[in-house]
Amino acid sequence: MNKDPTKDTTTNGPSFTEQVESKASRKIQARQNSTPGIWLGLGMMGVIGWSVSIPTLLGVALGLWLDQRYPGVRSWTLALLVAGLLLGCFNAWYWVAKEEKEIRDEQEDNDE
């Protein structure tokens, strides 16, 4: 019972510590060289979709309310629909640019 657990003399394969070191180095390398998966892409599309659709729908709702309260020659609904869409697109563009910069910075830190 005084065996050294780091040396396995019963098999010709690598010792226990060598196996652990190998697995640990593979995990570290996988974390450093990880590529975004499909779920990250789908999640990003979902966030971008909501960031465009919510301001657009809020603009339509506010425009309908204004058109019912204050009828006029011009349509508040159409104007606020376009304004909400532009705001949502700007919001999505800003968010994607920010995420891309963070990913690029992280990759540069891993390269060093």
Protein backbone atom coordinates (compact mmCIF):
# COMPACT_ATOMS: atom_id res chain seq x y z
CA MET A 1 0.00 0.00 0.00
CA ASN A 2 2.99 2.31 -0.15
CA LYS A 3 2.64 2.81 -3.89
CA ASP A 4 3.43 6.11 -5.48
CA PRO A 5 0.17 7.20 -7.20
CA THR A 6 2.10 9.17 -9.80
CA LYS A 7 3.73 6.05 -11.19
CA ASP A 8 1.57 3.32 -12.61
CA THR A 9 3.64 0.19 -13.03
CA THR A 10 0.76 -2.11 -13.95
CA THR A 11 0.23 -0.64 -17.43
CA ASN A 12 2.52 0.65 -20.12
CA GLY A 13 0.42 3.82 -20.65
CA PRO A 14 1.02 7.29 -19.28
CA SER A 15 0.98 7.83 -15.55
CA PHE A 16 -1.90 9.47 -13.72
CA THR A 17 -0.16 12.84 -13.43
CA GLU A 18 0.69 12.80 -17.13
CA GLN A 19 -2.96 12.16 -17.97
CA VAL A 20 -4.10 15.03 -15.72
CA GLU A 21 -1.50 17.38 -17.18
CA SER A 22 -2.56 16.45 -20.70
CA LYS A 23 -6.24 17.06 -19.99
CA ALA A 24 -5.53 20.34 -18.22
CA SER A 25 -3.40 21.63 -21.09
CA ARG A 26 -6.13 20.66 -23.60
CA LYS A 27 -8.74 22.53 -21.55
CA ILE A 28 -6.57 25.64 -21.33
CA GLN A 29 -5.86 25.54 -25.05
CA ALA A 30 -9.58 25.06 -25.84
CA ARG A 31 -10.50 28.07 -23.71
CA GLN A 32 -7.90 30.24 -25.42
CA ASN A 33 -8.85 29.13 -28.93
CA SER A 34 -12.60 28.92 -28.46
CA THR A 35 -14.79 29.92 -31.36
CA PRO A 36 -18.29 31.25 -30.81
CA GLY A 37 -20.89 28.55 -31.15
CA ILE A 38 -24.20 28.53 -32.94
CA TRP A 39 -26.11 29.35 -29.76
CA LEU A 40 -24.13 32.55 -29.31
CA GLY A 41 -25.01 33.59 -32.84
CA LEU A 42 -28.69 32.76 -32.38
CA GLY A 43 -28.78 34.60 -29.08
CA MET A 44 -27.15 37.62 -30.67
CA MET A 45 -29.73 37.63 -33.47
CA GLY A 46 -32.49 37.47 -30.87
CA VAL A 47 -31.12 40.40 -28.92
CA ILE A 48 -30.64 42.43 -32.09
CA GLY A 49 -34.17 41.61 -33.24
CA TRP A 50 -35.69 42.71 -29.96
CA SER A 51 -33.57 45.85 -29.83
CA VAL A 52 -35.05 46.88 -33.21
CA SER A 53 -38.62 45.66 -32.76
CA ILE A 54 -39.33 47.09 -29.28
CA PRO A 55 -38.62 50.76 -30.18
CA THR A 56 -40.53 50.30 -33.44
CA LEU A 57 -43.59 48.88 -31.69
CA LEU A 58 -43.43 51.55 -29.00
CA GLY A 59 -43.33 54.20 -31.72
CA VAL A 60 -46.37 52.67 -33.43
CA ALA A 61 -48.29 52.49 -30.14
CA LEU A 62 -47.48 56.08 -29.25
CA GLY A 63 -48.35 57.18 -32.80
CA LEU A 64 -51.74 55.43 -32.67
CA TRP A 65 -52.49 57.03 -29.33
CA LEU A 66 -51.53 60.49 -30.65
CA ASP A 67 -53.57 59.99 -33.84
CA GLN A 68 -56.66 59.12 -31.75
CA ARG A 69 -56.18 62.02 -29.33
CA TYR A 70 -55.04 64.68 -31.79
CA PRO A 71 -56.23 63.87 -35.32
CA GLY A 72 -54.58 65.89 -38.03
CA VAL A 73 -53.37 65.95 -41.58
CA ARG A 74 -50.14 64.11 -40.82
CA SER A 75 -49.97 60.61 -39.40
CA TRP A 76 -48.19 60.36 -36.08
CA THR A 77 -48.18 56.58 -36.43
CA LEU A 78 -46.12 56.61 -39.61
CA ALA A 79 -43.71 59.25 -38.32
CA LEU A 80 -43.12 57.48 -35.00
CA LEU A 81 -42.87 54.09 -36.74
CA VAL A 82 -39.94 55.42 -38.78
CA ALA A 83 -38.43 57.14 -35.74
CA GLY A 84 -38.69 53.94 -33.66
CA LEU A 85 -37.19 51.89 -36.47
CA LEU A 86 -34.25 54.29 -36.83
CA LEU A 87 -33.71 54.33 -33.08
CA GLY A 88 -33.81 50.53 -32.94
CA CYS A 89 -31.36 50.17 -35.84
CA PHE A 90 -28.97 52.62 -34.21
CA ASN A 91 -29.28 50.74 -30.92
CA ALA A 92 -28.55 47.39 -32.63
CA TRP A 93 -25.59 48.83 -34.54
CA TYR A 94 -24.13 50.29 -31.33
CA TRP A 95 -24.56 46.99 -29.45
CA VAL A 96 -22.98 44.88 -32.21
CA ALA A 97 -20.04 47.29 -32.55
CA LYS A 98 -19.47 47.18 -28.79
CA GLU A 99 -19.57 43.37 -28.70
CA GLU A 100 -17.24 43.11 -31.69
CA LYS A 101 -14.73 45.44 -30.01
CA GLU A 102 -14.83 43.36 -26.81
CA ILE A 103 -14.26 40.14 -28.77
CA ARG A 104 -11.36 41.72 -30.69
CA ASP A 105 -9.78 43.05 -27.47
CA GLU A 106 -10.12 39.64 -25.82
CA GLN A 107 -8.45 37.93 -28.79
CA GLU A 108 -5.61 40.44 -28.71
CA ASP A 109 -5.12 39.79 -24.98
CA ASN A 110 -4.98 36.03 -25.65
CA ASP A 111 -2.44 36.52 -28.42
CA GLU A 112 -0.03 38.31 -26.09
